[in-house]
Amino acid sequence: MRVKMFHIALTALAVLAMTSSLALARPGGGPGAGQGGCSNMGSGMSQLTPEKQAIFQKLRDAFVAKTASLRAVLAVNMAELNALSVPQNPDQAKIDALSKQIGDLQGKLLSERTQFRTQVTKDVGPGMGRGMRSGMGGGMGSGMGGGMMAGCQGDGL
């Protein structure tokens, strides 16, 4: 019995090691890069004057505050959609209605993000609001681990 438990534990450890190495091998992976690390922070912000940095931060904070409730409702609806999809006989009408609500929320977020990017380009300069994503777990970046402030402060931009 002990040998069997040892083999199970060893197999689980091997699987964990293999999946961890795959995560670190992806583009933008590794310590301090991508989501959770703010190493990309300096790339765009360091090129701005302190005044422009303050303007960008103020615009970003306003955007985060303005869209927080939309993002929260979207997260709840996504979780509810996942829960509705689990039963053996899911209620397709409820799923369709919730999917429409999710699409509407995503459209509103896209509109807000576009307004934010336009304002940033106008007040700070081109390229600073580029590549933002407001999906679940997304960061300000264009691709895995890329972009400015990817995953910083857990704001889900």
C-alpha atoms as a PDB file:
ATOM      1  CA  MET A   1       0.000   0.000   0.000  1.00  0.00           C
ATOM      2  CA  ARG A   2       2.834   2.409   0.858  1.00  0.00           C
ATOM      3  CA  VAL A   3       4.584   1.679  -2.432  1.00  0.00           C
ATOM      4  CA  LYS A   4       1.407   2.434  -4.363  1.00  0.00           C
ATOM      5  CA  MET A   5       0.949   5.776  -2.540  1.00  0.00           C
ATOM      6  CA  PHE A   6       4.608   6.596  -3.186  1.00  0.00           C
ATOM      7  CA  HIS A   7       4.173   5.962  -6.919  1.00  0.00           C
ATOM      8  CA  ILE A   8       1.032   8.114  -7.045  1.00  0.00           C
ATOM      9  CA  ALA A   9       2.784  10.959  -5.246  1.00  0.00           C
ATOM     10  CA  LEU A  10       5.851  10.647  -7.476  1.00  0.00           C
ATOM     11  CA  THR A  11       3.692  10.686 -10.607  1.00  0.00           C
ATOM     12  CA  ALA A  12       1.804  13.766  -9.401  1.00  0.00           C
ATOM     13  CA  LEU A  13       5.098  15.522  -8.666  1.00  0.00           C
ATOM     14  CA  ALA A  14       6.434  14.640 -12.125  1.00  0.00           C
ATOM     15  CA  VAL A  15       3.286  15.993 -13.806  1.00  0.00           C
ATOM     16  CA  LEU A  16       3.552  19.187 -11.767  1.00  0.00           C
ATOM     17  CA  ALA A  17       7.198  19.634 -12.746  1.00  0.00           C
ATOM     18  CA  MET A  18       6.440  19.099 -16.437  1.00  0.00           C
ATOM     19  CA  THR A  19       3.528  21.533 -16.526  1.00  0.00           C
ATOM     20  CA  SER A  20       5.504  24.147 -14.596  1.00  0.00           C
ATOM     21  CA  SER A  21       8.357  23.952 -17.079  1.00  0.00           C
ATOM     22  CA  LEU A  22       5.898  24.396 -19.953  1.00  0.00           C
ATOM     23  CA  ALA A  23       4.464  27.509 -18.323  1.00  0.00           C
ATOM     24  CA  LEU A  24       7.927  29.017 -17.913  1.00  0.00           C
ATOM     25  CA  ALA A  25       8.884  28.173 -21.493  1.00  0.00           C
ATOM     26  CA  ARG A  26       6.091  30.159 -23.127  1.00  0.00           C
ATOM     27  CA  PRO A  27       6.840  33.601 -24.604  1.00  0.00           C
ATOM     28  CA  GLY A  28       6.874  36.210 -21.876  1.00  0.00           C
ATOM     29  CA  GLY A  29       7.040  33.513 -19.192  1.00  0.00           C
ATOM     30  CA  GLY A  30       9.461  33.282 -16.345  1.00  0.00           C
ATOM     31  CA  PRO A  31      10.057  35.342 -13.271  1.00  0.00           C
ATOM     32  CA  GLY A  32       8.911  38.943 -13.371  1.00  0.00           C
ATOM     33  CA  ALA A  33       7.287  38.793 -16.789  1.00  0.00           C
ATOM     34  CA  GLY A  34       3.673  38.714 -17.838  1.00  0.00           C
ATOM     35  CA  GLN A  35       0.819  38.438 -15.444  1.00  0.00           C
ATOM     36  CA  GLY A  36       1.746  38.855 -11.820  1.00  0.00           C
ATOM     37  CA  GLY A  37       5.032  40.608 -12.525  1.00  0.00           C
ATOM     38  CA  CYS A  38       5.359  44.257 -13.371  1.00  0.00           C
ATOM     39  CA  SER A  39       8.706  44.122 -15.128  1.00  0.00           C
ATOM     40  CA  ASN A  40       7.124  45.512 -18.292  1.00  0.00           C
ATOM     41  CA  MET A  41       6.058  48.607 -16.412  1.00  0.00           C
ATOM     42  CA  GLY A  42       9.178  50.566 -17.251  1.00  0.00           C
ATOM     43  CA  SER A  43       9.141  50.013 -20.985  1.00  0.00           C
ATOM     44  CA  GLY A  44       6.512  52.624 -21.895  1.00  0.00           C
ATOM     45  CA  MET A  45       6.141  54.633 -18.715  1.00  0.00           C
ATOM     46  CA  SER A  46       9.854  55.357 -18.343  1.00  0.00           C
ATOM     47  CA  GLN A  47       9.808  57.168 -21.660  1.00  0.00           C
ATOM     48  CA  LEU A  48       7.226  59.636 -20.390  1.00  0.00           C
ATOM     49  CA  THR A  49       7.829  62.765 -18.408  1.00  0.00           C
ATOM     50  CA  PRO A  50       6.619  62.629 -14.801  1.00  0.00           C
ATOM     51  CA  GLU A  51       3.736  64.928 -15.790  1.00  0.00           C
ATOM     52  CA  LYS A  52       2.631  62.592 -18.588  1.00  0.00           C
ATOM     53  CA  GLN A  53       2.982  59.596 -16.238  1.00  0.00           C
ATOM     54  CA  ALA A  54       0.690  61.333 -13.746  1.00  0.00           C
ATOM     55  CA  ILE A  55      -1.845  62.102 -16.481  1.00  0.00           C
ATOM     56  CA  PHE A  56      -1.788  58.487 -17.679  1.00  0.00           C
ATOM     57  CA  GLN A  57      -2.169  57.146 -14.146  1.00  0.00           C
ATOM     58  CA  LYS A  58      -5.097  59.483 -13.484  1.00  0.00           C
ATOM     59  CA  LEU A  59      -6.827  58.417 -16.718  1.00  0.00           C
ATOM     60  CA  ARG A  60      -6.150  54.739 -15.993  1.00  0.00           C
ATOM     61  CA  ASP A  61      -7.461  54.987 -12.428  1.00  0.00           C
ATOM     62  CA  ALA A  62     -10.621  56.693 -13.702  1.00  0.00           C
ATOM     63  CA  PHE A  63     -11.075  53.969 -16.327  1.00  0.00           C
ATOM     64  CA  VAL A  64     -10.622  51.202 -13.743  1.00  0.00           C
ATOM     65  CA  ALA A  65     -13.104  52.843 -11.373  1.00  0.00           C
ATOM     66  CA  LYS A  66     -15.629  53.521 -14.144  1.00  0.00           C
ATOM     67  CA  THR A  67     -15.541  49.946 -15.451  1.00  0.00           C
ATOM     68  CA  ALA A  68     -15.225  48.080 -12.127  1.00  0.00           C
ATOM     69  CA  SER A  69     -18.931  47.359 -11.812  1.00  0.00           C
ATOM     70  CA  LEU A  70     -19.185  46.259 -15.454  1.00  0.00           C
ATOM     71  CA  ARG A  71     -16.239  43.893 -14.988  1.00  0.00           C
ATOM     72  CA  ALA A  72     -17.721  42.539 -11.746  1.00  0.00           C
ATOM     73  CA  VAL A  73     -21.110  41.852 -13.347  1.00  0.00           C
ATOM     74  CA  LEU A  74     -19.358  40.247 -16.310  1.00  0.00           C
ATOM     75  CA  ALA A  75     -17.404  37.955 -13.979  1.00  0.00           C
ATOM     76  CA  VAL A  76     -20.586  36.919 -12.169  1.00  0.00           C
ATOM     77  CA  ASN A  77     -22.395  36.280 -15.456  1.00  0.00           C
ATOM     78  CA  MET A  78     -19.489  34.220 -16.783  1.00  0.00           C
ATOM     79  CA  ALA A  79     -19.492  32.108 -13.622  1.00  0.00           C
ATOM     80  CA  GLU A  80     -23.261  31.673 -13.884  1.00  0.00           C
ATOM     81  CA  LEU A  81     -22.931  30.658 -17.536  1.00  0.00           C
ATOM     82  CA  ASN A  82     -20.354  28.054 -16.556  1.00  0.00           C
ATOM     83  CA  ALA A  83     -22.683  26.747 -13.847  1.00  0.00           C
ATOM     84  CA  LEU A  84     -25.618  26.575 -16.277  1.00  0.00           C
ATOM     85  CA  SER A  85     -23.539  24.543 -18.705  1.00  0.00           C
ATOM     86  CA  VAL A  86     -22.681  21.810 -16.188  1.00  0.00           C
ATOM     87  CA  PRO A  87     -26.021  19.938 -15.758  1.00  0.00           C
ATOM     88  CA  GLN A  88     -26.730  16.970 -17.957  1.00  0.00           C
ATOM     89  CA  ASN A  89     -29.776  18.758 -19.431  1.00  0.00           C
ATOM     90  CA  PRO A  90     -28.834  22.456 -19.469  1.00  0.00           C
ATOM     91  CA  ASP A  91     -31.545  25.085 -19.932  1.00  0.00           C
ATOM     92  CA  GLN A  92     -30.612  26.394 -23.382  1.00  0.00           C
ATOM     93  CA  ALA A  93     -32.968  29.386 -23.137  1.00  0.00           C
ATOM     94  CA  LYS A  94     -31.249  30.611 -19.966  1.00  0.00           C
ATOM     95  CA  ILE A  95     -27.840  29.997 -21.534  1.00  0.00           C
ATOM     96  CA  ASP A  96     -28.813  31.989 -24.640  1.00  0.00           C
ATOM     97  CA  ALA A  97     -30.198  34.890 -22.581  1.00  0.00           C
ATOM     98  CA  LEU A  98     -27.101  34.987 -20.378  1.00  0.00           C
ATOM     99  CA  SER A  99     -24.829  34.778 -23.428  1.00  0.00           C
ATOM    100  CA  LYS A 100     -26.583  37.824 -24.879  1.00  0.00           C
ATOM    101  CA  GLN A 101     -26.123  39.708 -21.589  1.00  0.00           C
ATOM    102  CA  ILE A 102     -22.425  38.798 -21.581  1.00  0.00           C
ATOM    103  CA  GLY A 103     -22.069  40.027 -25.160  1.00  0.00           C
ATOM    104  CA  ASP A 104     -23.768  43.309 -24.264  1.00  0.00           C
ATOM    105  CA  LEU A 105     -21.442  43.792 -21.269  1.00  0.00           C
ATOM    106  CA  GLN A 106     -18.391  43.037 -23.390  1.00  0.00           C
ATOM    107  CA  GLY A 107     -19.596  45.593 -25.925  1.00  0.00           C
ATOM    108  CA  LYS A 108     -19.957  48.236 -23.209  1.00  0.00           C
ATOM    109  CA  LEU A 109     -16.466  47.450 -21.917  1.00  0.00           C
ATOM    110  CA  LEU A 110     -15.053  47.718 -25.419  1.00  0.00           C
ATOM    111  CA  SER A 111     -16.711  51.093 -25.847  1.00  0.00           C
ATOM    112  CA  GLU A 112     -15.300  52.340 -22.532  1.00  0.00           C
ATOM    113  CA  ARG A 113     -11.844  50.994 -23.405  1.00  0.00           C
ATOM    114  CA  THR A 114     -11.941  52.706 -26.780  1.00  0.00           C
ATOM    115  CA  GLN A 115     -12.862  56.011 -25.128  1.00  0.00           C
ATOM    116  CA  PHE A 116     -10.003  55.515 -22.653  1.00  0.00           C
ATOM    117  CA  ARG A 117      -7.488  54.766 -25.400  1.00  0.00           C
ATOM    118  CA  THR A 118      -8.619  57.808 -27.383  1.00  0.00           C
ATOM    119  CA  GLN A 119      -8.250  60.048 -24.322  1.00  0.00           C
ATOM    120  CA  VAL A 120      -4.805  58.607 -23.522  1.00  0.00           C
ATOM    121  CA  THR A 121      -3.629  59.178 -27.077  1.00  0.00           C
ATOM    122  CA  LYS A 122      -4.907  62.750 -26.927  1.00  0.00           C
ATOM    123  CA  ASP A 123      -3.475  63.618 -23.477  1.00  0.00           C
ATOM    124  CA  VAL A 124      -0.367  61.421 -23.222  1.00  0.00           C
ATOM    125  CA  GLY A 125       0.606  60.420 -26.715  1.00  0.00           C
ATOM    126  CA  PRO A 126       0.141  57.587 -29.192  1.00  0.00           C
ATOM    127  CA  GLY A 127       0.691  53.996 -28.142  1.00  0.00           C
ATOM    128  CA  MET A 128       0.221  54.283 -24.375  1.00  0.00           C
ATOM    129  CA  GLY A 129      -3.337  52.924 -24.194  1.00  0.00           C
ATOM    130  CA  ARG A 130      -2.690  50.354 -26.929  1.00  0.00           C
ATOM    131  CA  GLY A 131      -3.228  46.639 -26.409  1.00  0.00           C
ATOM    132  CA  MET A 132      -5.512  46.781 -23.372  1.00  0.00           C
ATOM    133  CA  ARG A 133      -7.802  43.836 -22.821  1.00  0.00           C
ATOM    134  CA  SER A 134     -10.670  43.702 -20.411  1.00  0.00           C
ATOM    135  CA  GLY A 135     -11.432  40.024 -20.495  1.00  0.00           C
ATOM    136  CA  MET A 136     -11.212  37.629 -17.626  1.00  0.00           C
ATOM    137  CA  GLY A 137      -7.642  37.643 -16.339  1.00  0.00           C
ATOM    138  CA  GLY A 138      -6.424  39.784 -19.156  1.00  0.00           C
ATOM    139  CA  GLY A 139      -3.843  42.456 -18.652  1.00  0.00           C
ATOM    140  CA  MET A 140      -2.761  45.553 -20.424  1.00  0.00           C
ATOM    141  CA  GLY A 141      -0.763  43.868 -23.123  1.00  0.00           C
ATOM    142  CA  SER A 142      -0.833  42.469 -26.585  1.00  0.00           C
ATOM    143  CA  GLY A 143      -0.173  38.774 -26.231  1.00  0.00           C
ATOM    144  CA  MET A 144       1.141  36.512 -23.530  1.00  0.00           C
ATOM    145  CA  GLY A 145       3.117  38.381 -20.930  1.00  0.00           C
ATOM    146  CA  GLY A 146       3.499  41.394 -23.166  1.00  0.00           C
ATOM    147  CA  GLY A 147       2.563  44.971 -22.912  1.00  0.00           C
ATOM    148  CA  MET A 148       2.721  47.560 -20.254  1.00  0.00           C
ATOM    149  CA  MET A 149       1.467  46.654 -16.797  1.00  0.00           C
ATOM    150  CA  ALA A 150       0.420  43.110 -17.770  1.00  0.00           C
ATOM    151  CA  GLY A 151      -1.483  41.845 -14.766  1.00  0.00           C
ATOM    152  CA  CYS A 152      -0.214  44.557 -12.434  1.00  0.00           C
ATOM    153  CA  GLN A 153      -2.327  45.330  -9.385  1.00  0.00           C
ATOM    154  CA  GLY A 154      -4.803  42.575 -10.352  1.00  0.00           C
ATOM    155  CA  ASP A 155      -7.165  45.032 -11.997  1.00  0.00           C
ATOM    156  CA  GLY A 156      -8.198  42.744 -14.853  1.00  0.00           C
ATOM    157  CA  LEU A 157      -7.808  45.372 -17.557  1.00  0.00           C
END
